[in-house]
C-alpha atoms as a PDB file:
ATOM      1  CA  UNK A   1      -0.063  -0.214   0.253  1.00  0.00           C
ATOM      2  CA  UNK A   2       1.156   3.447  -0.776  1.00  0.00           C
ATOM      3  CA  UNK A   3       2.273   5.932   1.768  1.00  0.00           C
ATOM      4  CA  UNK A   4      -0.683   8.503   1.410  1.00  0.00           C
ATOM      5  CA  UNK A   5       1.855  11.196   3.263  1.00  0.00           C
ATOM      6  CA  UNK A   6       4.086  11.325   0.255  1.00  0.00           C
ATOM      7  CA  UNK A   7       1.282  11.873  -2.384  1.00  0.00           C
ATOM      8  CA  UNK A   8      -0.235  15.081  -3.849  1.00  0.00           C
ATOM      9  CA  UNK A   9      -3.078  16.886  -2.230  1.00  0.00           C
ATOM     10  CA  UNK A  10      -5.254  15.870  -5.552  1.00  0.00           C
ATOM     11  CA  UNK A  11      -4.071  12.307  -5.230  1.00  0.00           C
ATOM     12  CA  UNK A  12      -5.628  12.469  -1.405  1.00  0.00           C
ATOM     13  CA  UNK A  13      -8.682  14.303  -2.562  1.00  0.00           C
ATOM     14  CA  UNK A  14      -8.815  11.504  -5.437  1.00  0.00           C
ATOM     15  CA  UNK A  15      -8.778   8.942  -3.272  1.00  0.00           C
ATOM     16  CA  UNK A  16     -11.438  10.284  -1.038  1.00  0.00           C
ATOM     17  CA  UNK A  17     -13.491  10.581  -3.785  1.00  0.00           C
ATOM     18  CA  UNK A  18     -12.733   7.357  -5.254  1.00  0.00           C
ATOM     19  CA  UNK A  19     -13.613   5.730  -1.976  1.00  0.00           C
ATOM     20  CA  UNK A  20     -17.134   7.632  -1.834  1.00  0.00           C
ATOM     21  CA  UNK A  21     -18.010   6.472  -5.287  1.00  0.00           C
ATOM     22  CA  UNK A  22     -16.501   3.215  -5.805  1.00  0.00           C
ATOM     23  CA  UNK A  23     -16.413   1.954  -2.122  1.00  0.00           C
ATOM     24  CA  UNK A  24     -13.648   0.807   0.505  1.00  0.00           C
ATOM     25  CA  UNK A  25     -13.409  -2.665  -0.682  1.00  0.00           C
ATOM     26  CA  UNK A  26     -13.241  -2.111  -4.277  1.00  0.00           C
ATOM     27  CA  UNK A  27     -10.422   0.741  -3.987  1.00  0.00           C
ATOM     28  CA  UNK A  28      -8.464  -1.648  -1.420  1.00  0.00           C
ATOM     29  CA  UNK A  29      -8.471  -4.458  -3.877  1.00  0.00           C
ATOM     30  CA  UNK A  30      -7.288  -2.189  -6.550  1.00  0.00           C
ATOM     31  CA  UNK A  31      -4.557  -0.918  -4.253  1.00  0.00           C
ATOM     32  CA  UNK A  32      -3.498  -4.218  -3.027  1.00  0.00           C
ATOM     33  CA  UNK A  33      -3.183  -5.482  -6.713  1.00  0.00           C
ATOM     34  CA  UNK A  34      -0.874  -2.347  -7.605  1.00  0.00           C
ATOM     35  CA  UNK A  35       2.617  -3.135  -9.134  1.00  0.00           C
ATOM     36  CA  UNK A  36       5.633  -0.823  -9.758  1.00  0.00           C
ATOM     37  CA  UNK A  37       4.492  -1.755 -13.615  1.00  0.00           C
ATOM     38  CA  UNK A  38       0.899   0.104 -13.250  1.00  0.00           C
ATOM     39  CA  UNK A  39       1.744   2.453 -10.177  1.00  0.00           C
ATOM     40  CA  UNK A  40       2.131   5.607 -12.040  1.00  0.00           C
ATOM     41  CA  UNK A  41      -1.068   4.505 -13.920  1.00  0.00           C
ATOM     42  CA  UNK A  42      -2.809   4.389 -10.694  1.00  0.00           C
ATOM     43  CA  UNK A  43      -1.857   7.687  -9.594  1.00  0.00           C
ATOM     44  CA  UNK A  44      -2.557   9.320 -12.656  1.00  0.00           C
ATOM     45  CA  UNK A  45      -6.443   8.376 -12.477  1.00  0.00           C
ATOM     46  CA  UNK A  46      -6.519   8.766  -8.832  1.00  0.00           C
ATOM     47  CA  UNK A  47      -5.482  12.379  -9.538  1.00  0.00           C
ATOM     48  CA  UNK A  48      -6.919  13.056 -12.672  1.00  0.00           C
ATOM     49  CA  UNK A  49     -10.222  11.168 -12.858  1.00  0.00           C
ATOM     50  CA  UNK A  50     -10.898  11.405  -8.912  1.00  0.00           C
ATOM     51  CA  UNK A  51      -8.869  14.040  -8.041  1.00  0.00           C
ATOM     52  CA  UNK A  52      -9.816  16.253 -10.608  1.00  0.00           C
ATOM     53  CA  UNK A  53     -12.998  15.426 -12.730  1.00  0.00           C
ATOM     54  CA  UNK A  54     -14.975  13.867  -9.724  1.00  0.00           C
ATOM     55  CA  UNK A  55     -13.823  16.368  -7.378  1.00  0.00           C
ATOM     56  CA  UNK A  56     -15.327  19.214  -9.198  1.00  0.00           C
ATOM     57  CA  UNK A  57     -18.409  20.925  -7.226  1.00  0.00           C
ATOM     58  CA  UNK A  58     -20.491  21.630 -10.593  1.00  0.00           C
ATOM     59  CA  UNK A  59     -21.967  18.295 -11.045  1.00  0.00           C
ATOM     60  CA  UNK A  60     -22.965  15.957  -8.393  1.00  0.00           C
ATOM     61  CA  UNK A  61     -21.906  12.432  -7.706  1.00  0.00           C
ATOM     62  CA  UNK A  62     -25.246  11.268  -9.198  1.00  0.00           C
ATOM     63  CA  UNK A  63     -24.872  13.583 -11.922  1.00  0.00           C
ATOM     64  CA  UNK A  64     -21.261  12.477 -12.753  1.00  0.00           C
ATOM     65  CA  UNK A  65     -22.205   8.671 -12.255  1.00  0.00           C
ATOM     66  CA  UNK A  66     -25.118   8.846 -14.910  1.00  0.00           C
ATOM     67  CA  UNK A  67     -23.052  10.908 -17.729  1.00  0.00           C
ATOM     68  CA  UNK A  68     -20.223   8.282 -16.801  1.00  0.00           C
ATOM     69  CA  UNK A  69     -22.102   5.257 -17.305  1.00  0.00           C
ATOM     70  CA  UNK A  70     -23.680   6.708 -20.671  1.00  0.00           C
ATOM     71  CA  UNK A  71     -20.275   7.455 -21.951  1.00  0.00           C
ATOM     72  CA  UNK A  72     -18.761   3.712 -20.758  1.00  0.00           C
ATOM     73  CA  UNK A  73     -21.602   2.423 -22.609  1.00  0.00           C
ATOM     74  CA  UNK A  74     -21.586   4.324 -25.718  1.00  0.00           C
ATOM     75  CA  UNK A  75     -17.994   3.188 -25.288  1.00  0.00           C
ATOM     76  CA  UNK A  76     -18.418  -0.347 -25.091  1.00  0.00           C
ATOM     77  CA  UNK A  77     -16.576  -0.747 -21.606  1.00  0.00           C
ATOM     78  CA  UNK A  78     -18.620  -3.481 -20.434  1.00  0.00           C
ATOM     79  CA  UNK A  79     -16.739  -4.165 -17.023  1.00  0.00           C
ATOM     80  CA  UNK A  80     -16.258  -0.392 -16.542  1.00  0.00           C
ATOM     81  CA  UNK A  81     -20.268  -0.043 -16.953  1.00  0.00           C
ATOM     82  CA  UNK A  82     -20.519  -2.665 -14.545  1.00  0.00           C
ATOM     83  CA  UNK A  83     -18.294  -1.435 -12.089  1.00  0.00           C
ATOM     84  CA  UNK A  84     -20.379   1.828 -12.343  1.00  0.00           C
ATOM     85  CA  UNK A  85     -23.513   0.615 -12.276  1.00  0.00           C
ATOM     86  CA  UNK A  86     -22.272  -1.156  -8.862  1.00  0.00           C
ATOM     87  CA  UNK A  87     -21.273   2.580  -7.752  1.00  0.00           C
ATOM     88  CA  UNK A  88     -24.594   3.615  -7.989  1.00  0.00           C
ATOM     89  CA  UNK A  89     -25.622   2.639  -4.512  1.00  0.00           C
ATOM     90  CA  UNK A  90     -23.200   5.611  -3.495  1.00  0.00           C
ATOM     91  CA  UNK A  91     -23.766   8.034  -6.043  1.00  0.00           C
ATOM     92  CA  UNK A  92     -27.558   8.283  -5.671  1.00  0.00           C
ATOM     93  CA  UNK A  93     -28.090   7.647  -9.631  1.00  0.00           C
ATOM     94  CA  UNK A  94     -31.414   5.325  -9.284  1.00  0.00           C
ATOM     95  CA  UNK A  95     -32.335   2.489 -11.815  1.00  0.00           C
ATOM     96  CA  UNK A  96     -34.617   4.887 -13.492  1.00  0.00           C
ATOM     97  CA  UNK A  97     -31.714   7.711 -13.976  1.00  0.00           C
ATOM     98  CA  UNK A  98     -29.731   4.918 -15.730  1.00  0.00           C
ATOM     99  CA  UNK A  99     -32.567   3.841 -17.874  1.00  0.00           C
ATOM    100  CA  UNK A 100     -32.636   7.322 -19.172  1.00  0.00           C
ATOM    101  CA  UNK A 101     -29.337   7.530 -19.906  1.00  0.00           C
ATOM    102  CA  UNK A 102     -29.057   4.030 -21.611  1.00  0.00           C
ATOM    103  CA  UNK A 103     -32.055   5.597 -23.957  1.00  0.00           C
ATOM    104  CA  UNK A 104     -29.663   8.382 -24.875  1.00  0.00           C
ATOM    105  CA  UNK A 105     -27.055   6.063 -25.693  1.00  0.00           C
ATOM    106  CA  UNK A 106     -29.489   4.114 -27.743  1.00  0.00           C
ATOM    107  CA  UNK A 107     -30.208   7.132 -30.087  1.00  0.00           C
ATOM    108  CA  UNK A 108     -26.836   9.009 -29.961  1.00  0.00           C
ATOM    109  CA  UNK A 109     -24.216   5.956 -29.766  1.00  0.00           C
ATOM    110  CA  UNK A 110     -26.541   3.041 -31.334  1.00  0.00           C
ATOM    111  CA  UNK A 111     -29.176   0.476 -30.202  1.00  0.00           C
ATOM    112  CA  UNK A 112     -26.162  -2.327 -29.859  1.00  0.00           C
ATOM    113  CA  UNK A 113     -24.525  -0.279 -27.349  1.00  0.00           C
ATOM    114  CA  UNK A 114     -27.252   0.373 -25.454  1.00  0.00           C
ATOM    115  CA  UNK A 115     -28.687  -3.127 -25.799  1.00  0.00           C
ATOM    116  CA  UNK A 116     -25.589  -4.788 -24.542  1.00  0.00           C
ATOM    117  CA  UNK A 117     -25.662  -1.948 -21.479  1.00  0.00           C
ATOM    118  CA  UNK A 118     -29.005  -2.606 -20.379  1.00  0.00           C
ATOM    119  CA  UNK A 119     -27.942  -6.483 -20.279  1.00  0.00           C
ATOM    120  CA  UNK A 120     -25.243  -5.499 -18.126  1.00  0.00           C
ATOM    121  CA  UNK A 121     -26.725  -3.116 -15.947  1.00  0.00           C
ATOM    122  CA  UNK A 122     -29.814  -5.823 -15.367  1.00  0.00           C
ATOM    123  CA  UNK A 123     -27.522  -8.441 -14.525  1.00  0.00           C
ATOM    124  CA  UNK A 124     -25.355  -6.288 -12.129  1.00  0.00           C
ATOM    125  CA  UNK A 125     -28.925  -4.969 -10.272  1.00  0.00           C
ATOM    126  CA  UNK A 126     -29.581  -8.541  -9.801  1.00  0.00           C
ATOM    127  CA  UNK A 127     -26.422  -9.362  -8.282  1.00  0.00           C
ATOM    128  CA  UNK A 128     -26.926  -6.607  -5.954  1.00  0.00           C
ATOM    129  CA  UNK A 129     -30.250  -7.914  -4.990  1.00  0.00           C
ATOM    130  CA  UNK A 130     -32.264  -4.885  -6.779  1.00  0.00           C
ATOM    131  CA  UNK A 131     -36.331  -5.332  -7.121  1.00  0.00           C
ATOM    132  CA  UNK A 132     -37.489  -5.054 -11.033  1.00  0.00           C
ATOM    133  CA  UNK A 133     -38.625  -1.680 -12.182  1.00  0.00           C
ATOM    134  CA  UNK A 134     -37.239   1.611 -11.723  1.00  0.00           C
ATOM    135  CA  UNK A 135     -36.629   1.673  -7.702  1.00  0.00           C
ATOM    136  CA  UNK A 136     -33.237   3.019  -6.098  1.00  0.00           C
ATOM    137  CA  UNK A 137     -30.850   1.083  -4.732  1.00  0.00           C
ATOM    138  CA  UNK A 138     -30.607   1.258  -1.080  1.00  0.00           C
ATOM    139  CA  UNK A 139     -27.589   0.203   0.870  1.00  0.00           C
END
């Protein structure tokens, strides 16, 4: 595990935000799997994605979650879609929010991308024990 006192303020803010969104268990697994080969990458995404973009004040974590899932779905980034669907339990994005975002994906990025993302979302919601419909996941 990396000594947090040696990291930048942006890294520390990023780690706080990353933990708020993805949860401690996920972040701890990622950090335990960090090697010298990917440590610079982990630092970059923690500072850049989490410490800069996700920590900006204009969008709420819910709004960022919705945008992120739509972008990842449009790009076909299946594992990341699933990870960010799981994170909605922490961001406040509801199943209805994600459904609406994926409808946009269908129109602007293509039906196959949205269809696959819906399949992933349904699987993750089932895994999380979420009820069918558009109810919010509670933790």
